[in-house]
Amino acid sequence: MRRRQIDTLKIFNLNVQEVKENEEYLINFDSGGREIAINIILGAGFPNEKPKLIVSPILNHPWVNANTGEVENAPGILNYTIHSDLGRIVQAVSREFEKHPPALLNESGSNSHQNGSHSTTEQDKRNAAASPSGEPDVFGLQALTLEELARLNSDEDYLEGFIEKLGFVHNQSNEMENLMGQIETIATENLAKRQLIMDRREKLEQMVLDFKELGE
């Protein structure tokens, strides 16, 4: 099971480097013109226990722990089970960072420091409204204005459009479409094979009848 999971990592991701056999792997990709690396660490309990993904340099993203760089809040990590595909989890994370390049943590921190003299900013209001409990902002609500948040609450069409644009939702939709395509292909192939078997069966039955007639 462990080896199969590692195989999926190499199937769904490019440039997979083996740091330590069966324990640690590395992928590199471009995010907004910067080279980003993700270390995939497989503990002794893997695949019964979830893998650890550490991004370097640390990105300012709701999925990433700002102190350790560990990807903690990606859907594939949050919903991990022994039946999850390691390769798809890592692929979804790298695609999210490729399609929606986040700032480096030190860049965002510098910008915050420059603007820190303002006692109350629009971003402060967004943060307070979007994440009052201090929980990770997986859906990017902290980037919205109060008006946008209110519209999400009252306009179902606007809410649906917002959800469809989320990176991980888009990735999962693509994966579902690919899976459905594979199922349709397999079903079509099976139907074709069934027809072939039926044709051969009819030919065989006809041969048996012909043989009996010759014997008579």
C-alpha atoms as a PDB file:
ATOM      1  CA  MET A   1       0.000   0.000   0.000  1.00  0.00           C
ATOM      2  CA  ARG A   2       2.845   2.403   0.863  1.00  0.00           C
ATOM      3  CA  ARG A   3       4.619   1.696  -2.429  1.00  0.00           C
ATOM      4  CA  ARG A   4       1.403   2.167  -4.415  1.00  0.00           C
ATOM      5  CA  GLN A   5       0.897   5.568  -2.782  1.00  0.00           C
ATOM      6  CA  ILE A   6       4.435   6.596  -3.717  1.00  0.00           C
ATOM      7  CA  ASP A   7       3.748   5.449  -7.272  1.00  0.00           C
ATOM      8  CA  THR A   8       0.705   7.764  -7.462  1.00  0.00           C
ATOM      9  CA  LEU A   9       2.968  10.625  -6.381  1.00  0.00           C
ATOM     10  CA  LYS A  10       5.143  10.016  -9.443  1.00  0.00           C
ATOM     11  CA  ILE A  11       2.154   9.506 -11.751  1.00  0.00           C
ATOM     12  CA  PHE A  12       0.353  12.772 -10.953  1.00  0.00           C
ATOM     13  CA  ASN A  13       3.368  15.059 -10.429  1.00  0.00           C
ATOM     14  CA  LEU A  14       6.375  16.054 -12.520  1.00  0.00           C
ATOM     15  CA  ASN A  15       9.994  16.199 -11.353  1.00  0.00           C
ATOM     16  CA  VAL A  16       9.534  14.059  -8.246  1.00  0.00           C
ATOM     17  CA  GLN A  17      12.878  13.722  -6.476  1.00  0.00           C
ATOM     18  CA  GLU A  18      13.604  11.002  -3.936  1.00  0.00           C
ATOM     19  CA  VAL A  19      15.295  12.506  -0.884  1.00  0.00           C
ATOM     20  CA  LYS A  20      15.100   9.365   1.258  1.00  0.00           C
ATOM     21  CA  GLU A  21      13.671   6.156  -0.126  1.00  0.00           C
ATOM     22  CA  ASN A  22      10.114   5.432   1.047  1.00  0.00           C
ATOM     23  CA  GLU A  23      10.267   8.359   3.503  1.00  0.00           C
ATOM     24  CA  GLU A  24      10.828  11.754   1.872  1.00  0.00           C
ATOM     25  CA  TYR A  25      10.242  13.177  -1.603  1.00  0.00           C
ATOM     26  CA  LEU A  26      10.504  16.632  -3.179  1.00  0.00           C
ATOM     27  CA  ILE A  27       8.789  18.432  -6.051  1.00  0.00           C
ATOM     28  CA  ASN A  28       9.578  21.863  -7.524  1.00  0.00           C
ATOM     29  CA  PHE A  29       7.242  24.083  -9.532  1.00  0.00           C
ATOM     30  CA  ASP A  30       6.755  27.698 -10.585  1.00  0.00           C
ATOM     31  CA  SER A  31       4.380  30.000  -8.715  1.00  0.00           C
ATOM     32  CA  GLY A  32       4.153  33.565  -9.953  1.00  0.00           C
ATOM     33  CA  GLY A  33       7.676  33.479 -11.382  1.00  0.00           C
ATOM     34  CA  ARG A  34       9.192  31.974  -8.225  1.00  0.00           C
ATOM     35  CA  GLU A  35      10.433  28.431  -7.729  1.00  0.00           C
ATOM     36  CA  ILE A  36       8.520  26.728  -4.935  1.00  0.00           C
ATOM     37  CA  ALA A  37       9.373  23.385  -3.354  1.00  0.00           C
ATOM     38  CA  ILE A  38       7.164  20.965  -1.474  1.00  0.00           C
ATOM     39  CA  ASN A  39       8.752  18.334   0.737  1.00  0.00           C
ATOM     40  CA  ILE A  40       6.563  15.251   1.126  1.00  0.00           C
ATOM     41  CA  ILE A  41       7.401  13.457   4.360  1.00  0.00           C
ATOM     42  CA  LEU A  42       5.936   9.996   4.952  1.00  0.00           C
ATOM     43  CA  GLY A  43       6.012   8.957   8.593  1.00  0.00           C
ATOM     44  CA  ALA A  44       6.230   5.399   9.886  1.00  0.00           C
ATOM     45  CA  GLY A  45       2.427   5.280  10.148  1.00  0.00           C
ATOM     46  CA  PHE A  46       1.789   6.276   6.524  1.00  0.00           C
ATOM     47  CA  PRO A  47      -0.604   5.555   4.775  1.00  0.00           C
ATOM     48  CA  ASN A  48      -2.687   4.962   7.902  1.00  0.00           C
ATOM     49  CA  GLU A  49      -1.540   8.423   9.009  1.00  0.00           C
ATOM     50  CA  LYS A  50      -1.655  11.486   6.752  1.00  0.00           C
ATOM     51  CA  PRO A  51       1.534  12.660   4.987  1.00  0.00           C
ATOM     52  CA  LYS A  52       3.274  15.883   5.938  1.00  0.00           C
ATOM     53  CA  LEU A  53       3.704  18.488   3.182  1.00  0.00           C
ATOM     54  CA  ILE A  54       6.102  21.367   3.863  1.00  0.00           C
ATOM     55  CA  VAL A  55       6.316  24.263   1.402  1.00  0.00           C
ATOM     56  CA  SER A  56       9.475  26.320   0.960  1.00  0.00           C
ATOM     57  CA  PRO A  57       9.756  29.274   1.021  1.00  0.00           C
ATOM     58  CA  ILE A  58       6.804  29.752   3.356  1.00  0.00           C
ATOM     59  CA  LEU A  59       3.783  31.195   1.533  1.00  0.00           C
ATOM     60  CA  ASN A  60       1.109  33.513   2.851  1.00  0.00           C
ATOM     61  CA  HIS A  61      -1.822  31.208   2.174  1.00  0.00           C
ATOM     62  CA  PRO A  62      -4.684  29.938   4.360  1.00  0.00           C
ATOM     63  CA  TRP A  63      -3.617  26.362   3.728  1.00  0.00           C
ATOM     64  CA  VAL A  64      -0.086  26.978   5.058  1.00  0.00           C
ATOM     65  CA  ASN A  65       1.071  27.196   8.675  1.00  0.00           C
ATOM     66  CA  ALA A  66       2.911  30.530   8.834  1.00  0.00           C
ATOM     67  CA  ASN A  67       5.387  29.252  11.436  1.00  0.00           C
ATOM     68  CA  THR A  68       6.371  25.877   9.999  1.00  0.00           C
ATOM     69  CA  GLY A  69       5.435  26.068   6.308  1.00  0.00           C
ATOM     70  CA  GLU A  70       3.402  22.879   6.694  1.00  0.00           C
ATOM     71  CA  VAL A  71       0.344  22.560   4.463  1.00  0.00           C
ATOM     72  CA  GLU A  72      -2.329  21.859   7.068  1.00  0.00           C
ATOM     73  CA  ASN A  73      -5.641  23.121   5.688  1.00  0.00           C
ATOM     74  CA  ALA A  74      -5.719  21.833   2.116  1.00  0.00           C
ATOM     75  CA  PRO A  75      -8.910  19.797   1.523  1.00  0.00           C
ATOM     76  CA  GLY A  76      -6.901  16.681   0.680  1.00  0.00           C
ATOM     77  CA  ILE A  77      -5.078  16.904   4.021  1.00  0.00           C
ATOM     78  CA  LEU A  78      -8.148  17.790   6.078  1.00  0.00           C
ATOM     79  CA  ASN A  79     -10.176  14.968   4.514  1.00  0.00           C
ATOM     80  CA  TYR A  80      -7.344  12.429   4.331  1.00  0.00           C
ATOM     81  CA  THR A  81      -8.143   8.730   4.652  1.00  0.00           C
ATOM     82  CA  ILE A  82      -6.159   5.579   3.950  1.00  0.00           C
ATOM     83  CA  HIS A  83      -7.935   5.449   0.579  1.00  0.00           C
ATOM     84  CA  SER A  84      -6.730   8.920  -0.501  1.00  0.00           C
ATOM     85  CA  ASP A  85      -4.198   9.171  -3.345  1.00  0.00           C
ATOM     86  CA  LEU A  86      -0.965  10.843  -2.248  1.00  0.00           C
ATOM     87  CA  GLY A  87      -0.260  11.952  -5.813  1.00  0.00           C
ATOM     88  CA  ARG A  88      -3.607  13.710  -6.203  1.00  0.00           C
ATOM     89  CA  ILE A  89      -3.241  15.468  -2.839  1.00  0.00           C
ATOM     90  CA  VAL A  90       0.152  16.906  -3.777  1.00  0.00           C
ATOM     91  CA  GLN A  91      -1.059  17.747  -7.294  1.00  0.00           C
ATOM     92  CA  ALA A  92      -4.033  19.713  -5.947  1.00  0.00           C
ATOM     93  CA  VAL A  93      -1.768  21.721  -3.619  1.00  0.00           C
ATOM     94  CA  SER A  94       0.806  22.554  -6.294  1.00  0.00           C
ATOM     95  CA  ARG A  95      -1.926  23.516  -8.796  1.00  0.00           C
ATOM     96  CA  GLU A  96      -3.522  25.836  -6.265  1.00  0.00           C
ATOM     97  CA  PHE A  97      -0.213  27.678  -5.787  1.00  0.00           C
ATOM     98  CA  GLU A  98       0.484  27.699  -9.545  1.00  0.00           C
ATOM     99  CA  LYS A  99      -2.916  29.079 -10.546  1.00  0.00           C
ATOM    100  CA  HIS A 100      -3.260  31.497  -7.623  1.00  0.00           C
ATOM    101  CA  PRO A 101       0.317  32.489  -6.681  1.00  0.00           C
ATOM    102  CA  PRO A 102       0.372  33.633  -3.042  1.00  0.00           C
ATOM    103  CA  ALA A 103       2.865  36.139  -1.677  1.00  0.00           C
ATOM    104  CA  LEU A 104       5.868  34.973   0.277  1.00  0.00           C
ATOM    105  CA  LEU A 105       5.296  35.272   3.993  1.00  0.00           C
ATOM    106  CA  ASN A 106       8.135  37.785   4.482  1.00  0.00           C
ATOM    107  CA  GLU A 107       6.754  39.950   1.643  1.00  0.00           C
ATOM    108  CA  SER A 108       3.279  40.073   3.131  1.00  0.00           C
ATOM    109  CA  GLY A 109       4.746  40.724   6.565  1.00  0.00           C
ATOM    110  CA  SER A 110       6.765  43.654   5.229  1.00  0.00           C
ATOM    111  CA  ASN A 111       3.699  45.167   3.607  1.00  0.00           C
ATOM    112  CA  SER A 112       1.747  44.787   6.810  1.00  0.00           C
ATOM    113  CA  HIS A 113       4.495  46.526   8.756  1.00  0.00           C
ATOM    114  CA  GLN A 114       4.522  49.476   6.364  1.00  0.00           C
ATOM    115  CA  ASN A 115       0.801  49.925   6.792  1.00  0.00           C
ATOM    116  CA  GLY A 116       0.792  49.238  10.516  1.00  0.00           C
ATOM    117  CA  SER A 117       0.515  52.895  11.513  1.00  0.00           C
ATOM    118  CA  HIS A 118      -3.164  52.960  10.556  1.00  0.00           C
ATOM    119  CA  SER A 119      -5.215  52.186  13.615  1.00  0.00           C
ATOM    120  CA  THR A 120      -8.104  50.667  11.669  1.00  0.00           C
ATOM    121  CA  THR A 121      -7.860  49.517   8.049  1.00  0.00           C
ATOM    122  CA  GLU A 122     -10.296  48.001   5.637  1.00  0.00           C
ATOM    123  CA  GLN A 123      -8.345  44.737   5.868  1.00  0.00           C
ATOM    124  CA  ASP A 124      -8.774  44.732   9.646  1.00  0.00           C
ATOM    125  CA  LYS A 125     -12.523  44.995   9.138  1.00  0.00           C
ATOM    126  CA  ARG A 126     -12.449  42.152   6.643  1.00  0.00           C
ATOM    127  CA  ASN A 127     -10.460  39.929   8.979  1.00  0.00           C
ATOM    128  CA  ALA A 128     -12.744  40.625  11.900  1.00  0.00           C
ATOM    129  CA  ALA A 129     -15.846  39.909   9.866  1.00  0.00           C
ATOM    130  CA  ALA A 130     -14.540  36.879   7.993  1.00  0.00           C
ATOM    131  CA  SER A 131     -12.740  35.026  10.772  1.00  0.00           C
ATOM    132  CA  PRO A 132     -13.961  36.160  14.189  1.00  0.00           C
ATOM    133  CA  SER A 133     -12.770  32.977  15.893  1.00  0.00           C
ATOM    134  CA  GLY A 134      -9.258  33.115  14.437  1.00  0.00           C
ATOM    135  CA  GLU A 135      -9.777  29.896  12.463  1.00  0.00           C
ATOM    136  CA  PRO A 136      -7.824  29.357   9.189  1.00  0.00           C
ATOM    137  CA  ASP A 137      -9.431  31.246   6.305  1.00  0.00           C
ATOM    138  CA  VAL A 138      -9.557  28.305   3.884  1.00  0.00           C
ATOM    139  CA  PHE A 139     -12.097  29.997   1.591  1.00  0.00           C
ATOM    140  CA  GLY A 140     -10.337  33.361   1.293  1.00  0.00           C
ATOM    141  CA  LEU A 141     -13.114  35.316   2.999  1.00  0.00           C
ATOM    142  CA  GLN A 142     -10.605  37.687   4.590  1.00  0.00           C
ATOM    143  CA  ALA A 143      -9.901  39.141   1.153  1.00  0.00           C
ATOM    144  CA  LEU A 144     -13.525  40.256   0.719  1.00  0.00           C
ATOM    145  CA  THR A 145     -15.078  43.592   1.629  1.00  0.00           C
ATOM    146  CA  LEU A 146     -18.032  43.828   3.999  1.00  0.00           C
ATOM    147  CA  GLU A 147     -20.288  44.500   1.008  1.00  0.00           C
ATOM    148  CA  GLU A 148     -19.064  41.351  -0.739  1.00  0.00           C
ATOM    149  CA  LEU A 149     -19.600  39.294   2.403  1.00  0.00           C
ATOM    150  CA  ALA A 150     -23.133  40.639   2.729  1.00  0.00           C
ATOM    151  CA  ARG A 151     -23.836  39.752  -0.893  1.00  0.00           C
ATOM    152  CA  LEU A 152     -22.564  36.209  -0.330  1.00  0.00           C
ATOM    153  CA  ASN A 153     -25.086  35.919   2.468  1.00  0.00           C
ATOM    154  CA  SER A 154     -28.041  37.217   0.437  1.00  0.00           C
ATOM    155  CA  ASP A 155     -27.388  36.309  -3.218  1.00  0.00           C
ATOM    156  CA  GLU A 156     -27.394  32.561  -3.962  1.00  0.00           C
ATOM    157  CA  ASP A 157     -26.134  33.005  -7.535  1.00  0.00           C
ATOM    158  CA  TYR A 158     -23.221  35.150  -6.338  1.00  0.00           C
ATOM    159  CA  LEU A 159     -22.422  32.558  -3.656  1.00  0.00           C
ATOM    160  CA  GLU A 160     -22.467  29.734  -6.197  1.00  0.00           C
ATOM    161  CA  GLY A 161     -20.131  31.657  -8.509  1.00  0.00           C
ATOM    162  CA  PHE A 162     -17.766  32.386  -5.615  1.00  0.00           C
ATOM    163  CA  ILE A 163     -17.603  28.699  -4.671  1.00  0.00           C
ATOM    164  CA  GLU A 164     -16.960  27.608  -8.265  1.00  0.00           C
ATOM    165  CA  LYS A 165     -13.950  29.942  -8.462  1.00  0.00           C
ATOM    166  CA  LEU A 166     -12.249  28.458  -5.392  1.00  0.00           C
ATOM    167  CA  GLY A 167      -9.040  26.744  -6.455  1.00  0.00           C
ATOM    168  CA  PHE A 168      -9.574  23.428  -4.694  1.00  0.00           C
ATOM    169  CA  VAL A 169     -13.230  23.221  -5.819  1.00  0.00           C
ATOM    170  CA  HIS A 170     -12.122  23.782  -9.409  1.00  0.00           C
ATOM    171  CA  ASN A 171      -9.442  21.088  -9.069  1.00  0.00           C
ATOM    172  CA  GLN A 172     -11.890  18.604  -7.594  1.00  0.00           C
ATOM    173  CA  SER A 173     -14.399  19.361 -10.363  1.00  0.00           C
ATOM    174  CA  ASN A 174     -11.728  18.670 -12.978  1.00  0.00           C
ATOM    175  CA  GLU A 175     -10.763  15.436 -11.256  1.00  0.00           C
ATOM    176  CA  MET A 176     -14.422  14.386 -11.120  1.00  0.00           C
ATOM    177  CA  GLU A 177     -14.819  15.115 -14.838  1.00  0.00           C
ATOM    178  CA  ASN A 178     -11.702  13.071 -15.600  1.00  0.00           C
ATOM    179  CA  LEU A 179     -12.990  10.212 -13.459  1.00  0.00           C
ATOM    180  CA  MET A 180     -16.383  10.268 -15.188  1.00  0.00           C
ATOM    181  CA  GLY A 181     -14.615  10.233 -18.543  1.00  0.00           C
ATOM    182  CA  GLN A 182     -12.599   7.177 -17.507  1.00  0.00           C
ATOM    183  CA  ILE A 183     -15.756   5.415 -16.303  1.00  0.00           C
ATOM    184  CA  GLU A 184     -17.517   6.130 -19.605  1.00  0.00           C
ATOM    185  CA  THR A 185     -14.515   4.825 -21.548  1.00  0.00           C
ATOM    186  CA  ILE A 186     -14.395   1.623 -19.514  1.00  0.00           C
ATOM    187  CA  ALA A 187     -18.161   1.147 -19.867  1.00  0.00           C
ATOM    188  CA  THR A 188     -17.931   1.612 -23.647  1.00  0.00           C
ATOM    189  CA  GLU A 189     -15.050  -0.862 -23.878  1.00  0.00           C
ATOM    190  CA  ASN A 190     -16.959  -3.405 -21.791  1.00  0.00           C
ATOM    191  CA  LEU A 191     -20.026  -3.077 -24.030  1.00  0.00           C
ATOM    192  CA  ALA A 192     -17.848  -3.584 -27.095  1.00  0.00           C
ATOM    193  CA  LYS A 193     -16.275  -6.683 -25.533  1.00  0.00           C
ATOM    194  CA  ARG A 194     -19.717  -8.010 -24.609  1.00  0.00           C
ATOM    195  CA  GLN A 195     -20.877  -7.656 -28.207  1.00  0.00           C
ATOM    196  CA  LEU A 196     -17.721  -9.412 -29.411  1.00  0.00           C
ATOM    197  CA  ILE A 197     -18.335 -12.304 -27.020  1.00  0.00           C
ATOM    198  CA  MET A 198     -21.962 -12.593 -28.150  1.00  0.00           C
ATOM    199  CA  ASP A 199     -20.881 -12.641 -31.811  1.00  0.00           C
ATOM    200  CA  ARG A 200     -18.339 -15.377 -31.143  1.00  0.00           C
ATOM    201  CA  ARG A 201     -20.902 -17.348 -29.161  1.00  0.00           C
ATOM    202  CA  GLU A 202     -23.335 -17.214 -32.072  1.00  0.00           C
ATOM    203  CA  LYS A 203     -20.602 -18.380 -34.460  1.00  0.00           C
ATOM    204  CA  LEU A 204     -19.725 -21.239 -32.122  1.00  0.00           C
ATOM    205  CA  GLU A 205     -23.372 -22.311 -31.837  1.00  0.00           C
ATOM    206  CA  GLN A 206     -23.693 -22.214 -35.613  1.00  0.00           C
ATOM    207  CA  MET A 207     -20.560 -24.353 -35.965  1.00  0.00           C
ATOM    208  CA  VAL A 208     -22.051 -26.905 -33.550  1.00  0.00           C
ATOM    209  CA  LEU A 209     -25.272 -27.029 -35.574  1.00  0.00           C
ATOM    210  CA  ASP A 210     -23.319 -27.428 -38.823  1.00  0.00           C
ATOM    211  CA  PHE A 211     -21.275 -30.239 -37.284  1.00  0.00           C
ATOM    212  CA  LYS A 212     -24.436 -32.054 -36.171  1.00  0.00           C
ATOM    213  CA  GLU A 213     -25.921 -31.768 -39.663  1.00  0.00           C
ATOM    214  CA  LEU A 214     -22.782 -33.290 -41.157  1.00  0.00           C
ATOM    215  CA  GLY A 215     -23.064 -36.194 -38.739  1.00  0.00           C
ATOM    216  CA  GLU A 216     -26.616 -36.894 -39.734  1.00  0.00           C
END
